[in-house]
C-alpha atoms as a PDB file:
ATOM      1  CA  MET A   1       4.875  -1.555 -48.651  1.00  0.00           C
ATOM      2  CA  LEU A   2       6.080  -0.083 -45.062  1.00  0.00           C
ATOM      3  CA  THR A   3       9.185  -0.060 -44.505  1.00  0.00           C
ATOM      4  CA  TYR A   4      10.758   1.506 -41.437  1.00  0.00           C
ATOM      5  CA  SER A   5      14.358   2.598 -40.537  1.00  0.00           C
ATOM      6  CA  LEU A   6      16.559   1.429 -37.385  1.00  0.00           C
ATOM      7  CA  THR A   7      15.898   4.490 -36.217  1.00  0.00           C
ATOM      8  CA  GLN A   8      12.529   4.469 -36.317  1.00  0.00           C
ATOM      9  CA  VAL A   9      12.525   0.825 -34.796  1.00  0.00           C
ATOM     10  CA  ILE A  10      14.458   2.098 -31.888  1.00  0.00           C
ATOM     11  CA  ASP A  11      12.586   5.203 -31.311  1.00  0.00           C
ATOM     12  CA  GLN A  12       9.127   3.391 -31.135  1.00  0.00           C
ATOM     13  CA  LEU A  13      10.970   1.238 -28.660  1.00  0.00           C
ATOM     14  CA  HIS A  14      11.689   3.008 -26.333  1.00  0.00           C
ATOM     15  CA  GLN A  15       8.777   4.950 -26.991  1.00  0.00           C
ATOM     16  CA  TYR A  16       7.268   1.568 -24.765  1.00  0.00           C
ATOM     17  CA  LEU A  17      10.441   0.166 -23.195  1.00  0.00           C
ATOM     18  CA  LEU A  18      10.630   3.402 -20.672  1.00  0.00           C
ATOM     19  CA  PRO A  19       6.867   3.538 -19.744  1.00  0.00           C
ATOM     20  CA  LEU A  20       7.618  -0.160 -19.326  1.00  0.00           C
ATOM     21  CA  PHE A  21       9.544   0.105 -16.885  1.00  0.00           C
ATOM     22  CA  ARG A  22       7.817   2.462 -14.235  1.00  0.00           C
ATOM     23  CA  ILE A  23       4.508   0.446 -14.649  1.00  0.00           C
ATOM     24  CA  ALA A  24       6.247  -2.908 -13.451  1.00  0.00           C
ATOM     25  CA  ALA A  25       8.302  -0.867 -10.538  1.00  0.00           C
ATOM     26  CA  LEU A  26       4.653  -0.295  -9.281  1.00  0.00           C
ATOM     27  CA  LEU A  27       3.073  -3.919  -9.693  1.00  0.00           C
ATOM     28  CA  MET A  28       6.567  -5.157  -8.229  1.00  0.00           C
ATOM     29  CA  ILE A  29       5.996  -3.398  -4.224  1.00  0.00           C
ATOM     30  CA  VAL A  30       2.076  -2.063  -4.655  1.00  0.00           C
ATOM     31  CA  PRO A  31       0.077  -4.294  -2.490  1.00  0.00           C
ATOM     32  CA  VAL A  32      -3.501  -6.506  -3.853  1.00  0.00           C
ATOM     33  CA  LEU A  33      -2.481  -6.100  -7.541  1.00  0.00           C
ATOM     34  CA  GLY A  34       1.701  -6.796  -7.025  1.00  0.00           C
ATOM     35  CA  GLY A  35       1.169  -9.147  -4.007  1.00  0.00           C
ATOM     36  CA  ARG A  36       3.571 -12.070  -3.578  1.00  0.00           C
ATOM     37  CA  VAL A  37       0.120 -13.863  -3.832  1.00  0.00           C
ATOM     38  CA  VAL A  38      -0.044 -12.592  -8.065  1.00  0.00           C
ATOM     39  CA  PRO A  39       2.470 -14.484  -9.985  1.00  0.00           C
ATOM     40  CA  SER A  40       5.501 -13.033 -11.408  1.00  0.00           C
ATOM     41  CA  ARG A  41       3.807 -13.976 -14.647  1.00  0.00           C
ATOM     42  CA  ILE A  42       0.531 -12.494 -14.204  1.00  0.00           C
ATOM     43  CA  ARG A  43       2.416  -9.158 -12.576  1.00  0.00           C
ATOM     44  CA  ILE A  44       4.635  -9.806 -16.118  1.00  0.00           C
ATOM     45  CA  GLY A  45       1.506  -9.758 -18.269  1.00  0.00           C
ATOM     46  CA  ILE A  46      -0.438  -6.778 -17.000  1.00  0.00           C
ATOM     47  CA  ALA A  47       2.591  -4.239 -17.288  1.00  0.00           C
ATOM     48  CA  VAL A  48       3.541  -4.898 -20.614  1.00  0.00           C
ATOM     49  CA  ILE A  49      -0.776  -5.137 -21.496  1.00  0.00           C
ATOM     50  CA  LEU A  50      -0.536  -1.516 -19.230  1.00  0.00           C
ATOM     51  CA  THR A  51       1.687  -0.697 -21.339  1.00  0.00           C
ATOM     52  CA  LEU A  52       0.197  -1.333 -24.712  1.00  0.00           C
ATOM     53  CA  ILE A  53      -2.488   0.330 -23.743  1.00  0.00           C
ATOM     54  CA  ILE A  54      -1.174   3.530 -22.128  1.00  0.00           C
ATOM     55  CA  ALA A  55       2.299   4.695 -24.830  1.00  0.00           C
ATOM     56  CA  PRO A  56      -0.182   5.377 -27.569  1.00  0.00           C
ATOM     57  CA  LEU A  57      -1.927   7.355 -25.716  1.00  0.00           C
ATOM     58  CA  LEU A  58       1.413   9.647 -24.019  1.00  0.00           C
ATOM     59  CA  PRO A  59       2.392  12.594 -25.936  1.00  0.00           C
ATOM     60  CA  PRO A  60       5.583  11.804 -29.534  1.00  0.00           C
ATOM     61  CA  GLN A  61       8.866  11.984 -28.051  1.00  0.00           C
ATOM     62  CA  ASP A  62      12.235  12.766 -29.397  1.00  0.00           C
ATOM     63  CA  PHE A  63      14.291   9.078 -28.596  1.00  0.00           C
ATOM     64  CA  ALA A  64      16.828   9.568 -31.715  1.00  0.00           C
ATOM     65  CA  ASN A  65      19.511  11.729 -30.021  1.00  0.00           C
ATOM     66  CA  LEU A  66      19.162   9.572 -26.865  1.00  0.00           C
ATOM     67  CA  SER A  67      22.510   8.818 -25.354  1.00  0.00           C
ATOM     68  CA  THR A  68      23.275   5.283 -23.715  1.00  0.00           C
ATOM     69  CA  GLY A  69      24.035   7.537 -20.927  1.00  0.00           C
ATOM     70  CA  ASN A  70      20.709   9.467 -21.211  1.00  0.00           C
ATOM     71  CA  LEU A  71      18.462   5.865 -21.440  1.00  0.00           C
ATOM     72  CA  LEU A  72      19.726   4.426 -17.744  1.00  0.00           C
ATOM     73  CA  LEU A  73      19.178   7.603 -16.482  1.00  0.00           C
ATOM     74  CA  GLY A  74      16.278   7.601 -17.897  1.00  0.00           C
ATOM     75  CA  ILE A  75      15.120   3.983 -16.719  1.00  0.00           C
ATOM     76  CA  ALA A  76      16.705   5.032 -13.763  1.00  0.00           C
ATOM     77  CA  GLU A  77      14.234   7.286 -12.855  1.00  0.00           C
ATOM     78  CA  GLN A  78      11.113   4.978 -14.200  1.00  0.00           C
ATOM     79  CA  ILE A  79      11.825   2.522 -11.783  1.00  0.00           C
ATOM     80  CA  LEU A  80      12.692   4.485  -8.590  1.00  0.00           C
ATOM     81  CA  ILE A  81       9.377   6.847  -9.364  1.00  0.00           C
ATOM     82  CA  GLY A  82       7.209   3.311 -10.074  1.00  0.00           C
ATOM     83  CA  LEU A  83       8.052   2.231  -6.934  1.00  0.00           C
ATOM     84  CA  LEU A  84       7.940   5.611  -4.810  1.00  0.00           C
ATOM     85  CA  MET A  85       4.178   4.762  -6.503  1.00  0.00           C
ATOM     86  CA  GLY A  86       3.829   1.703  -4.937  1.00  0.00           C
ATOM     87  CA  PHE A  87       5.421   2.195  -1.966  1.00  0.00           C
ATOM     88  CA  ALA A  88       2.634   4.407  -1.114  1.00  0.00           C
ATOM     89  CA  ILE A  89      -0.290   2.591  -0.654  1.00  0.00           C
ATOM     90  CA  SER A  90       1.599   0.129   0.646  1.00  0.00           C
ATOM     91  CA  LEU A  91       1.909   2.549   3.792  1.00  0.00           C
ATOM     92  CA  VAL A  92      -1.616   2.829   4.179  1.00  0.00           C
ATOM     93  CA  PHE A  93      -1.953  -1.525   4.299  1.00  0.00           C
ATOM     94  CA  SER A  94       1.008  -1.245   6.730  1.00  0.00           C
ATOM     95  CA  ALA A  95      -0.553   1.251   8.892  1.00  0.00           C
ATOM     96  CA  ILE A  96      -3.622  -1.414   8.778  1.00  0.00           C
ATOM     97  CA  GLU A  97      -1.615  -4.239   9.025  1.00  0.00           C
ATOM     98  CA  THR A  98      -0.010  -2.390  12.350  1.00  0.00           C
ATOM     99  CA  GLY A  99      -3.639  -1.645  13.974  1.00  0.00           C
ATOM    100  CA  GLY A 100      -4.750  -5.361  14.049  1.00  0.00           C
ATOM    101  CA  HIS A 101      -1.251  -5.740  15.135  1.00  0.00           C
ATOM    102  CA  LEU A 102      -2.373  -3.698  18.316  1.00  0.00           C
ATOM    103  CA  VAL A 103      -5.766  -4.845  18.513  1.00  0.00           C
ATOM    104  CA  GLY A 104      -4.472  -8.354  18.479  1.00  0.00           C
ATOM    105  CA  GLN A 105      -2.460  -7.760  20.946  1.00  0.00           C
ATOM    106  CA  THR A 106      -4.874  -6.459  23.276  1.00  0.00           C
ATOM    107  CA  MET A 107      -7.370  -8.743  23.054  1.00  0.00           C
ATOM    108  CA  GLY A 108      -4.636 -11.591  23.712  1.00  0.00           C
ATOM    109  CA  LEU A 109      -4.576 -13.227  20.590  1.00  0.00           C
ATOM    110  CA  GLY A 110      -0.542 -11.673  19.813  1.00  0.00           C
ATOM    111  CA  PHE A 111      -0.070 -15.727  20.325  1.00  0.00           C
ATOM    112  CA  ALA A 112      -2.689 -16.130  16.876  1.00  0.00           C
ATOM    113  CA  GLN A 113      -0.426 -15.941  13.714  1.00  0.00           C
ATOM    114  CA  MET A 114      -0.946 -16.997  10.100  1.00  0.00           C
ATOM    115  CA  VAL A 115       1.201 -16.498   6.497  1.00  0.00           C
ATOM    116  CA  ASP A 116       0.399 -13.525   5.086  1.00  0.00           C
ATOM    117  CA  PRO A 117       0.599 -14.282   1.424  1.00  0.00           C
ATOM    118  CA  ASN A 118       1.251 -10.605   0.402  1.00  0.00           C
ATOM    119  CA  ASN A 119       4.480 -10.335   2.172  1.00  0.00           C
ATOM    120  CA  GLY A 120       5.464 -13.845   3.207  1.00  0.00           C
ATOM    121  CA  ILE A 121       5.597 -12.911   6.783  1.00  0.00           C
ATOM    122  CA  THR A 122       3.366 -14.534  10.310  1.00  0.00           C
ATOM    123  CA  ILE A 123       1.706 -11.509  11.315  1.00  0.00           C
ATOM    124  CA  PRO A 124      -1.898 -11.932  14.038  1.00  0.00           C
ATOM    125  CA  VAL A 125      -4.993 -13.078  12.534  1.00  0.00           C
ATOM    126  CA  VAL A 126      -6.671  -9.426  13.289  1.00  0.00           C
ATOM    127  CA  SER A 127      -3.824  -8.800  10.975  1.00  0.00           C
ATOM    128  CA  GLN A 128      -5.023 -10.956   8.599  1.00  0.00           C
ATOM    129  CA  PHE A 129      -8.729  -9.894   8.407  1.00  0.00           C
ATOM    130  CA  TYR A 130      -8.049  -6.510   8.682  1.00  0.00           C
ATOM    131  CA  THR A 131      -5.428  -6.653   6.146  1.00  0.00           C
ATOM    132  CA  LEU A 132      -8.070  -8.571   3.764  1.00  0.00           C
ATOM    133  CA  LEU A 133     -11.385  -6.607   4.534  1.00  0.00           C
ATOM    134  CA  ALA A 134      -8.984  -3.638   3.348  1.00  0.00           C
ATOM    135  CA  THR A 135      -8.406  -5.186   0.502  1.00  0.00           C
ATOM    136  CA  LEU A 136     -11.497  -5.969  -0.071  1.00  0.00           C
ATOM    137  CA  ILE A 137     -12.709  -2.461  -0.215  1.00  0.00           C
ATOM    138  CA  PHE A 138     -10.311  -1.089  -1.817  1.00  0.00           C
ATOM    139  CA  LEU A 139     -11.292  -3.520  -4.830  1.00  0.00           C
ATOM    140  CA  LEU A 140     -14.564  -2.731  -3.992  1.00  0.00           C
ATOM    141  CA  LEU A 141     -13.787   1.155  -4.444  1.00  0.00           C
ATOM    142  CA  ASN A 142     -12.445   0.588  -7.446  1.00  0.00           C
ATOM    143  CA  GLY A 143      -9.141   1.911  -5.985  1.00  0.00           C
ATOM    144  CA  HIS A 144      -7.237  -1.081  -8.461  1.00  0.00           C
ATOM    145  CA  LEU A 145      -8.840   1.981 -10.975  1.00  0.00           C
ATOM    146  CA  LEU A 146      -8.146   5.029  -9.617  1.00  0.00           C
ATOM    147  CA  LEU A 147      -4.314   3.314  -9.331  1.00  0.00           C
ATOM    148  CA  ILE A 148      -4.492   2.954 -13.135  1.00  0.00           C
ATOM    149  CA  THR A 149      -5.264   6.472 -13.879  1.00  0.00           C
ATOM    150  CA  THR A 150      -2.944   8.051 -11.092  1.00  0.00           C
ATOM    151  CA  LEU A 151      -0.416   6.540 -13.261  1.00  0.00           C
ATOM    152  CA  VAL A 152      -1.826   7.700 -16.609  1.00  0.00           C
ATOM    153  CA  GLU A 153      -2.112  10.794 -14.891  1.00  0.00           C
ATOM    154  CA  SER A 154       1.802  10.310 -13.183  1.00  0.00           C
ATOM    155  CA  PHE A 155       3.543   9.866 -17.721  1.00  0.00           C
ATOM    156  CA  LYS A 156       1.765  13.806 -18.222  1.00  0.00           C
ATOM    157  CA  VAL A 157       2.937  15.479 -14.379  1.00  0.00           C
ATOM    158  CA  LEU A 158       6.578  13.426 -15.300  1.00  0.00           C
ATOM    159  CA  PRO A 159       6.853  12.636 -18.669  1.00  0.00           C
ATOM    160  CA  VAL A 160       9.333   9.512 -18.738  1.00  0.00           C
ATOM    161  CA  LEU A 161      12.417  12.787 -19.661  1.00  0.00           C
ATOM    162  CA  ALA A 162      11.552  14.845 -17.492  1.00  0.00           C
ATOM    163  CA  PHE A 163      14.677  14.619 -15.418  1.00  0.00           C
ATOM    164  CA  ARG A 164      14.013  15.899 -12.075  1.00  0.00           C
ATOM    165  CA  PRO A 165      15.640  15.817  -9.075  1.00  0.00           C
ATOM    166  CA  GLN A 166      13.733  13.865  -6.254  1.00  0.00           C
ATOM    167  CA  GLY A 167      15.078  14.312  -3.499  1.00  0.00           C
ATOM    168  CA  ASP A 168      11.786  15.779  -1.846  1.00  0.00           C
ATOM    169  CA  ALA A 169       9.816  13.697  -3.402  1.00  0.00           C
ATOM    170  CA  ILE A 170      11.907  10.694  -1.264  1.00  0.00           C
ATOM    171  CA  TRP A 171      11.945  12.338   1.882  1.00  0.00           C
ATOM    172  CA  GLN A 172       7.827  13.142   1.573  1.00  0.00           C
ATOM    173  CA  LEU A 173       7.236   9.369   0.781  1.00  0.00           C
ATOM    174  CA  LEU A 174       9.943   8.692   4.274  1.00  0.00           C
ATOM    175  CA  SER A 175       7.866  11.952   6.632  1.00  0.00           C
ATOM    176  CA  ALA A 176       4.811   9.784   5.444  1.00  0.00           C
ATOM    177  CA  ALA A 177       6.071   6.473   7.044  1.00  0.00           C
ATOM    178  CA  LEU A 178       4.356   8.610  10.250  1.00  0.00           C
ATOM    179  CA  TRP A 179       1.354   7.119   8.683  1.00  0.00           C
ATOM    180  CA  ILE A 180       2.308   3.459   9.911  1.00  0.00           C
ATOM    181  CA  PHE A 181       2.376   4.776  13.887  1.00  0.00           C
ATOM    182  CA  LYS A 182      -0.542   6.910  13.431  1.00  0.00           C
ATOM    183  CA  GLY A 183      -2.517   5.224  11.326  1.00  0.00           C
ATOM    184  CA  GLY A 184      -2.664   1.835  12.976  1.00  0.00           C
ATOM    185  CA  VAL A 185      -3.521   3.774  16.932  1.00  0.00           C
ATOM    186  CA  LEU A 186      -5.783   5.320  14.813  1.00  0.00           C
ATOM    187  CA  ILE A 187      -7.576   2.135  13.956  1.00  0.00           C
ATOM    188  CA  ALA A 188      -6.594   0.108  17.259  1.00  0.00           C
ATOM    189  CA  LEU A 189      -7.939   2.744  19.604  1.00  0.00           C
ATOM    190  CA  PRO A 190     -11.176   2.473  20.058  1.00  0.00           C
ATOM    191  CA  VAL A 191     -10.793  -1.852  20.474  1.00  0.00           C
ATOM    192  CA  MET A 192      -7.301  -0.870  23.217  1.00  0.00           C
ATOM    193  CA  THR A 193      -9.478   2.219  25.317  1.00  0.00           C
ATOM    194  CA  ALA A 194     -12.319  -0.313  26.060  1.00  0.00           C
ATOM    195  CA  LEU A 195     -10.468  -3.450  26.575  1.00  0.00           C
ATOM    196  CA  LEU A 196      -7.780  -0.780  28.377  1.00  0.00           C
ATOM    197  CA  LEU A 197     -10.940  -0.455  30.750  1.00  0.00           C
ATOM    198  CA  VAL A 198     -11.877  -4.068  30.723  1.00  0.00           C
ATOM    199  CA  ASN A 199      -8.458  -4.559  32.485  1.00  0.00           C
ATOM    200  CA  ILE A 200      -8.818  -2.307  35.488  1.00  0.00           C
ATOM    201  CA  ALA A 201     -12.306  -3.637  36.071  1.00  0.00           C
ATOM    202  CA  PHE A 202     -11.057  -6.687  36.613  1.00  0.00           C
ATOM    203  CA  GLY A 203      -8.273  -5.986  38.853  1.00  0.00           C
ATOM    204  CA  VAL A 204     -10.317  -3.729  41.422  1.00  0.00           C
ATOM    205  CA  VAL A 205     -12.079  -7.414  41.591  1.00  0.00           C
ATOM    206  CA  MET A 206      -8.744  -9.057  42.021  1.00  0.00           C
ATOM    207  CA  ARG A 207      -8.041  -6.189  44.720  1.00  0.00           C
ATOM    208  CA  ALA A 208     -11.392  -6.662  45.807  1.00  0.00           C
ATOM    209  CA  ALA A 209     -11.879 -10.635  45.696  1.00  0.00           C
ATOM    210  CA  PRO A 210      -8.492 -12.316  45.562  1.00  0.00           C
ATOM    211  CA  GLN A 211      -9.646 -14.876  46.108  1.00  0.00           C
ATOM    212  CA  LEU A 212     -11.055 -14.869  42.807  1.00  0.00           C
ATOM    213  CA  ASN A 213      -9.227 -16.294  39.921  1.00  0.00           C
ATOM    214  CA  ILE A 214      -9.368 -14.028  37.623  1.00  0.00           C
ATOM    215  CA  PHE A 215      -6.298 -14.984  34.861  1.00  0.00           C
ATOM    216  CA  VAL A 216      -9.280 -17.952  34.273  1.00  0.00           C
ATOM    217  CA  ILE A 217     -11.975 -15.814  33.519  1.00  0.00           C
ATOM    218  CA  GLY A 218     -10.341 -12.400  32.333  1.00  0.00           C
ATOM    219  CA  PHE A 219      -8.566 -14.286  28.523  1.00  0.00           C
ATOM    220  CA  PRO A 220     -12.750 -16.213  27.214  1.00  0.00           C
ATOM    221  CA  ILE A 221     -14.036 -12.470  29.110  1.00  0.00           C
ATOM    222  CA  SER A 222     -11.114 -10.143  26.957  1.00  0.00           C
ATOM    223  CA  LEU A 223     -11.489 -12.152  23.931  1.00  0.00           C
ATOM    224  CA  LEU A 224     -15.148 -12.233  22.988  1.00  0.00           C
ATOM    225  CA  LEU A 225     -15.894  -8.435  24.166  1.00  0.00           C
ATOM    226  CA  GLY A 226     -12.610  -7.618  21.935  1.00  0.00           C
ATOM    227  CA  PHE A 227     -14.661  -9.433  19.017  1.00  0.00           C
ATOM    228  CA  VAL A 228     -17.526  -7.904  19.694  1.00  0.00           C
ATOM    229  CA  LEU A 229     -15.609  -4.306  20.191  1.00  0.00           C
ATOM    230  CA  ILE A 230     -13.923  -5.497  16.477  1.00  0.00           C
ATOM    231  CA  LEU A 231     -17.144  -5.523  15.186  1.00  0.00           C
ATOM    232  CA  VAL A 232     -19.424  -1.952  16.414  1.00  0.00           C
ATOM    233  CA  THR A 233     -16.091  -0.278  15.571  1.00  0.00           C
ATOM    234  CA  LEU A 234     -15.784  -1.727  11.958  1.00  0.00           C
ATOM    235  CA  PRO A 235     -16.768   1.744  10.575  1.00  0.00           C
ATOM    236  CA  GLY A 236     -14.141   3.866  12.192  1.00  0.00           C
ATOM    237  CA  TYR A 237     -11.936   1.715  10.622  1.00  0.00           C
ATOM    238  CA  LEU A 238     -13.448   2.092   7.192  1.00  0.00           C
ATOM    239  CA  THR A 239     -13.707   5.689   7.597  1.00  0.00           C
ATOM    240  CA  GLN A 240     -10.356   5.939   8.442  1.00  0.00           C
ATOM    241  CA  PHE A 241      -9.304   3.868   5.591  1.00  0.00           C
ATOM    242  CA  GLY A 242     -11.342   5.765   3.130  1.00  0.00           C
ATOM    243  CA  GLN A 243      -9.085   8.630   4.433  1.00  0.00           C
ATOM    244  CA  LEU A 244      -5.273   6.984   4.552  1.00  0.00           C
ATOM    245  CA  LEU A 245      -5.818   6.179   0.598  1.00  0.00           C
ATOM    246  CA  ASP A 246      -7.358   9.290   0.424  1.00  0.00           C
ATOM    247  CA  GLN A 247      -4.325  10.689   1.963  1.00  0.00           C
ATOM    248  CA  ALA A 248      -1.685   8.239  -0.606  1.00  0.00           C
ATOM    249  CA  PHE A 249      -3.297   9.160  -3.414  1.00  0.00           C
ATOM    250  CA  ALA A 250      -2.913  13.029  -2.827  1.00  0.00           C
ATOM    251  CA  LEU A 251       0.512  12.085  -1.586  1.00  0.00           C
ATOM    252  CA  MET A 252       1.661  10.368  -5.540  1.00  0.00           C
ATOM    253  CA  MET A 253       0.472  13.590  -7.082  1.00  0.00           C
ATOM    254  CA  GLY A 254       2.437  15.768  -5.158  1.00  0.00           C
ATOM    255  CA  MET A 255       5.248  13.681  -5.343  1.00  0.00           C
ATOM    256  CA  LEU A 256       5.382  13.445  -8.897  1.00  0.00           C
ATOM    257  CA  ARG A 257       4.709  18.210  -9.426  1.00  0.00           C
ATOM    258  CA  GLY A 258       7.259  18.353  -6.930  1.00  0.00           C
ATOM    259  CA  GLY A 259       5.322  19.452  -3.940  1.00  0.00           C
END
């Protein structure tokens, strides 16, 4: 009959408890797996299952002499690491949403709003289209598996009791928030440029023939041309989304390694 002492039980509990906080924090904020569209019970279940799979693979650590203060500090650190990793991926989808918003405003579809199930807010229809397309591409490229692989790697690079100052990592993440504007502009720039030229052409026509009601014919033409341009520029959108994902995963590993 196997017997375990209280110290061994607590040691095993900590072996699973601390990784659980990092995994749960990541799933709480990361898109696709952690959006509001995914019920909390399912997210908790996924976090527990991943913990049961990942924790036995980690190198054993001595938790016997772990004080309550260090335990609370370790929990706080695991939550912070998980949030930082999840927020890095969230920046990519925020950039996609921003690009869709710029395209929708240029097309004249800024008034067409719908509820975003991931964030619980209303966003333009074009932004929702780009976001859904990004989600499908993320799953098609096995981004969720790459995210889990990066999560496992994070425990090797930064073990649960490796207390390190996270100031540099947070600063890197704040600096990378420029992706929201830069990535969004790069995605929307081809459509915005083409529609700007169309609007300039409408202005010349209105100047040459003031009797024409350019507002009546201009809106449907801009709308139709906008949809055509979205279709034509989709290959560039896919390339830009892939580059943003690569930068996000590189940022995560850079933060974990401390540079």
